[in-house]
Amino acid sequence: MKWHPDYNLKNAKITIINRGSPRDRMSFSGEEIQDLGSGFMTIARDNRDVKIPYHRITRIETPEEILWKEQD
């Protein structure tokens, strides 16, 4: 998605597993992504950088479509 000409990462909504959040899920905008590393992404949240491992991602979507979701 980062390099695809038809998508803008800033328009994405990413949902992750986040223990303690309602339904153990948390979502954030692609605008919050500061860096995409080899095993995790870094987002800006509450005035600090938070590293999120990719295996915690459960869904990636744009306003138009679901691009990826974990299998049931």
N, C-alpha and C. Protein backbone atom coordinates (compact mmCIF):
# COMPACT_ATOMS: atom_id res chain seq x y z
N MET A 1 0.82 -1.18 0.00
CA MET A 1 0.00 0.00 0.00
C MET A 1 0.87 1.25 0.00
N LYS A 2 1.99 1.18 0.64
CA LYS A 2 2.86 2.35 0.73
C LYS A 2 3.31 2.83 -0.64
N TRP A 3 3.57 1.90 -1.56
CA TRP A 3 4.09 2.29 -2.86
C TRP A 3 3.07 2.14 -3.99
N HIS A 4 1.89 1.66 -3.69
CA HIS A 4 0.89 1.42 -4.74
C HIS A 4 0.30 2.75 -5.21
N PRO A 5 0.27 2.98 -6.52
CA PRO A 5 -0.22 4.28 -7.01
C PRO A 5 -1.71 4.54 -6.77
N ASP A 6 -2.49 3.49 -6.55
CA ASP A 6 -3.93 3.67 -6.35
C ASP A 6 -4.33 3.90 -4.89
N TYR A 7 -3.39 3.79 -3.97
CA TYR A 7 -3.72 3.92 -2.55
C TYR A 7 -2.85 4.96 -1.89
N ASN A 8 -3.41 5.60 -0.88
CA ASN A 8 -2.67 6.56 -0.07
C ASN A 8 -2.69 6.05 1.36
N LEU A 9 -1.53 5.72 1.89
CA LEU A 9 -1.43 5.17 3.24
C LEU A 9 -2.10 6.06 4.27
N LYS A 10 -2.07 7.36 4.07
CA LYS A 10 -2.67 8.29 5.03
C LYS A 10 -4.18 8.12 5.12
N ASN A 11 -4.81 7.59 4.08
CA ASN A 11 -6.26 7.39 4.09
C ASN A 11 -6.68 6.05 4.70
N ALA A 12 -5.71 5.23 5.06
CA ALA A 12 -6.02 3.90 5.57
C ALA A 12 -6.43 3.95 7.04
N LYS A 13 -7.20 2.94 7.41
CA LYS A 13 -7.53 2.70 8.82
C LYS A 13 -6.98 1.32 9.14
N ILE A 14 -6.15 1.23 10.16
CA ILE A 14 -5.52 -0.02 10.55
C ILE A 14 -6.08 -0.43 11.90
N THR A 15 -6.50 -1.68 12.01
CA THR A 15 -7.02 -2.21 13.27
C THR A 15 -6.05 -3.27 13.76
N ILE A 16 -5.75 -3.21 15.06
CA ILE A 16 -4.79 -4.15 15.65
C ILE A 16 -5.36 -4.77 16.92
N ILE A 17 -4.75 -5.87 17.33
CA ILE A 17 -5.04 -6.46 18.64
C ILE A 17 -4.36 -5.57 19.68
N ASN A 18 -5.13 -5.15 20.67
CA ASN A 18 -4.59 -4.30 21.74
C ASN A 18 -5.29 -4.68 23.04
N ARG A 19 -4.67 -5.57 23.77
CA ARG A 19 -5.27 -6.08 25.01
C ARG A 19 -5.63 -4.93 25.95
N GLY A 20 -6.83 -4.99 26.48
CA GLY A 20 -7.30 -3.96 27.39
C GLY A 20 -8.19 -2.93 26.74
N SER A 21 -8.12 -2.81 25.42
CA SER A 21 -9.02 -1.91 24.70
C SER A 21 -10.38 -2.59 24.55
N PRO A 22 -11.42 -1.82 24.26
CA PRO A 22 -12.72 -2.46 24.03
C PRO A 22 -12.61 -3.53 22.93
N ARG A 23 -13.11 -4.71 23.24
CA ARG A 23 -13.05 -5.87 22.33
C ARG A 23 -11.61 -6.24 21.96
N ASP A 24 -10.65 -5.78 22.76
CA ASP A 24 -9.22 -6.04 22.54
C ASP A 24 -8.74 -5.58 21.17
N ARG A 25 -9.37 -4.53 20.64
CA ARG A 25 -8.98 -3.98 19.34
C ARG A 25 -8.79 -2.48 19.46
N MET A 26 -7.90 -1.96 18.65
CA MET A 26 -7.66 -0.52 18.56
C MET A 26 -7.45 -0.19 17.09
N SER A 27 -7.98 0.93 16.64
CA SER A 27 -7.79 1.37 15.26
C SER A 27 -7.09 2.71 15.24
N PHE A 28 -6.36 2.94 14.17
CA PHE A 28 -5.69 4.23 13.99
C PHE A 28 -5.58 4.53 12.51
N SER A 29 -5.35 5.78 12.22
CA SER A 29 -5.24 6.26 10.85
C SER A 29 -3.82 6.05 10.33
N GLY A 30 -3.73 5.86 9.03
CA GLY A 30 -2.42 5.76 8.40
C GLY A 30 -1.59 7.02 8.59
N GLU A 31 -2.26 8.14 8.86
CA GLU A 31 -1.53 9.38 9.12
C GLU A 31 -0.67 9.29 10.37
N GLU A 32 -1.03 8.40 11.28
CA GLU A 32 -0.27 8.26 12.52
C GLU A 32 1.01 7.45 12.35
N ILE A 33 1.14 6.75 11.22
CA ILE A 33 2.32 5.91 11.00
C ILE A 33 3.53 6.80 10.73
N GLN A 34 4.55 6.61 11.55
CA GLN A 34 5.79 7.37 11.42
C GLN A 34 6.85 6.61 10.64
N ASP A 35 6.85 5.27 10.80
CA ASP A 35 7.88 4.46 10.15
C ASP A 35 7.37 3.03 9.97
N LEU A 36 7.78 2.40 8.88
CA LEU A 36 7.48 0.99 8.64
C LEU A 36 8.81 0.25 8.70
N GLY A 37 9.03 -0.47 9.79
CA GLY A 37 10.27 -1.22 9.96
C GLY A 37 10.15 -2.62 9.41
N SER A 38 11.16 -3.44 9.66
CA SER A 38 11.16 -4.80 9.10
C SER A 38 10.19 -5.73 9.84
N GLY A 39 9.93 -5.51 11.11
CA GLY A 39 9.03 -6.38 11.85
C GLY A 39 7.91 -5.65 12.57
N PHE A 40 7.93 -4.33 12.47
CA PHE A 40 6.93 -3.54 13.19
C PHE A 40 6.80 -2.18 12.54
N MET A 41 5.71 -1.50 12.88
CA MET A 41 5.52 -0.11 12.47
C MET A 41 5.57 0.77 13.71
N THR A 42 5.92 2.01 13.52
CA THR A 42 5.94 2.97 14.61
C THR A 42 4.87 4.00 14.33
N ILE A 43 4.01 4.23 15.33
CA ILE A 43 2.98 5.25 15.19
C ILE A 43 3.17 6.30 16.27
N ALA A 44 2.66 7.49 16.00
CA ALA A 44 2.66 8.57 16.99
C ALA A 44 1.33 8.51 17.72
N ARG A 45 1.38 8.27 19.02
CA ARG A 45 0.15 8.15 19.81
C ARG A 45 0.40 8.78 21.17
N ASP A 46 -0.45 9.71 21.57
CA ASP A 46 -0.35 10.36 22.88
C ASP A 46 1.03 10.96 23.12
N ASN A 47 1.54 11.68 22.12
CA ASN A 47 2.82 12.38 22.21
C ASN A 47 4.02 11.46 22.44
N ARG A 48 3.91 10.22 21.97
CA ARG A 48 5.06 9.31 22.05
C ARG A 48 5.02 8.35 20.88
N ASP A 49 6.14 7.74 20.59
CA ASP A 49 6.22 6.75 19.52
C ASP A 49 5.89 5.37 20.09
N VAL A 50 5.03 4.65 19.40
CA VAL A 50 4.61 3.32 19.83
C VAL A 50 4.96 2.34 18.72
N LYS A 51 5.68 1.28 19.06
CA LYS A 51 6.04 0.24 18.08
C LYS A 51 4.98 -0.86 18.11
N ILE A 52 4.46 -1.19 16.93
CA ILE A 52 3.41 -2.20 16.82
C ILE A 52 3.90 -3.31 15.90
N PRO A 53 4.03 -4.54 16.42
CA PRO A 53 4.44 -5.66 15.56
C PRO A 53 3.37 -5.93 14.50
N TYR A 54 3.81 -6.27 13.31
CA TYR A 54 2.88 -6.52 12.21
C TYR A 54 1.91 -7.66 12.50
N HIS A 55 2.34 -8.64 13.30
CA HIS A 55 1.44 -9.77 13.55
C HIS A 55 0.21 -9.38 14.37
N ARG A 56 0.18 -8.17 14.91
CA ARG A 56 -1.00 -7.71 15.65
C ARG A 56 -2.06 -7.07 14.75
N ILE A 57 -1.73 -6.84 13.49
CA ILE A 57 -2.70 -6.22 12.57
C ILE A 57 -3.80 -7.23 12.25
N THR A 58 -5.05 -6.78 12.36
CA THR A 58 -6.19 -7.64 12.05
C THR A 58 -6.96 -7.16 10.82
N ARG A 59 -6.76 -5.89 10.45
CA ARG A 59 -7.53 -5.36 9.32
C ARG A 59 -6.87 -4.08 8.80
N ILE A 60 -6.87 -3.93 7.47
CA ILE A 60 -6.41 -2.70 6.82
C ILE A 60 -7.49 -2.32 5.82
N GLU A 61 -7.98 -1.09 5.93
CA GLU A 61 -9.06 -0.67 5.03
C GLU A 61 -8.90 0.79 4.63
N THR A 62 -9.53 1.12 3.51
CA THR A 62 -9.64 2.50 3.06
C THR A 62 -11.12 2.84 3.13
N PRO A 63 -11.49 4.09 2.89
CA PRO A 63 -12.92 4.41 2.88
C PRO A 63 -13.70 3.61 1.82
N GLU A 64 -13.01 3.16 0.78
CA GLU A 64 -13.67 2.46 -0.31
C GLU A 64 -13.72 0.94 -0.16
N GLU A 65 -12.71 0.36 0.51
CA GLU A 65 -12.66 -1.10 0.53
C GLU A 65 -11.79 -1.65 1.65
N ILE A 66 -12.01 -2.91 1.96
CA ILE A 66 -11.15 -3.64 2.88
C ILE A 66 -10.00 -4.20 2.05
N LEU A 67 -8.78 -3.81 2.37
CA LEU A 67 -7.62 -4.27 1.62
C LEU A 67 -7.09 -5.60 2.14
N TRP A 68 -7.19 -5.80 3.44
CA TRP A 68 -6.70 -7.04 4.04
C TRP A 68 -7.39 -7.22 5.39
N LYS A 69 -7.71 -8.46 5.71
CA LYS A 69 -8.20 -8.79 7.06
C LYS A 69 -7.72 -10.18 7.40
N GLU A 70 -7.53 -10.40 8.70
CA GLU A 70 -7.06 -11.71 9.13
C GLU A 70 -8.13 -12.75 8.84
N GLN A 71 -7.68 -13.95 8.58
CA GLN A 71 -8.62 -15.02 8.31
C GLN A 71 -9.24 -15.50 9.60
N ASP A 72 -10.49 -15.90 9.51
CA ASP A 72 -11.20 -16.41 10.69
C ASP A 72 -10.74 -17.79 11.04
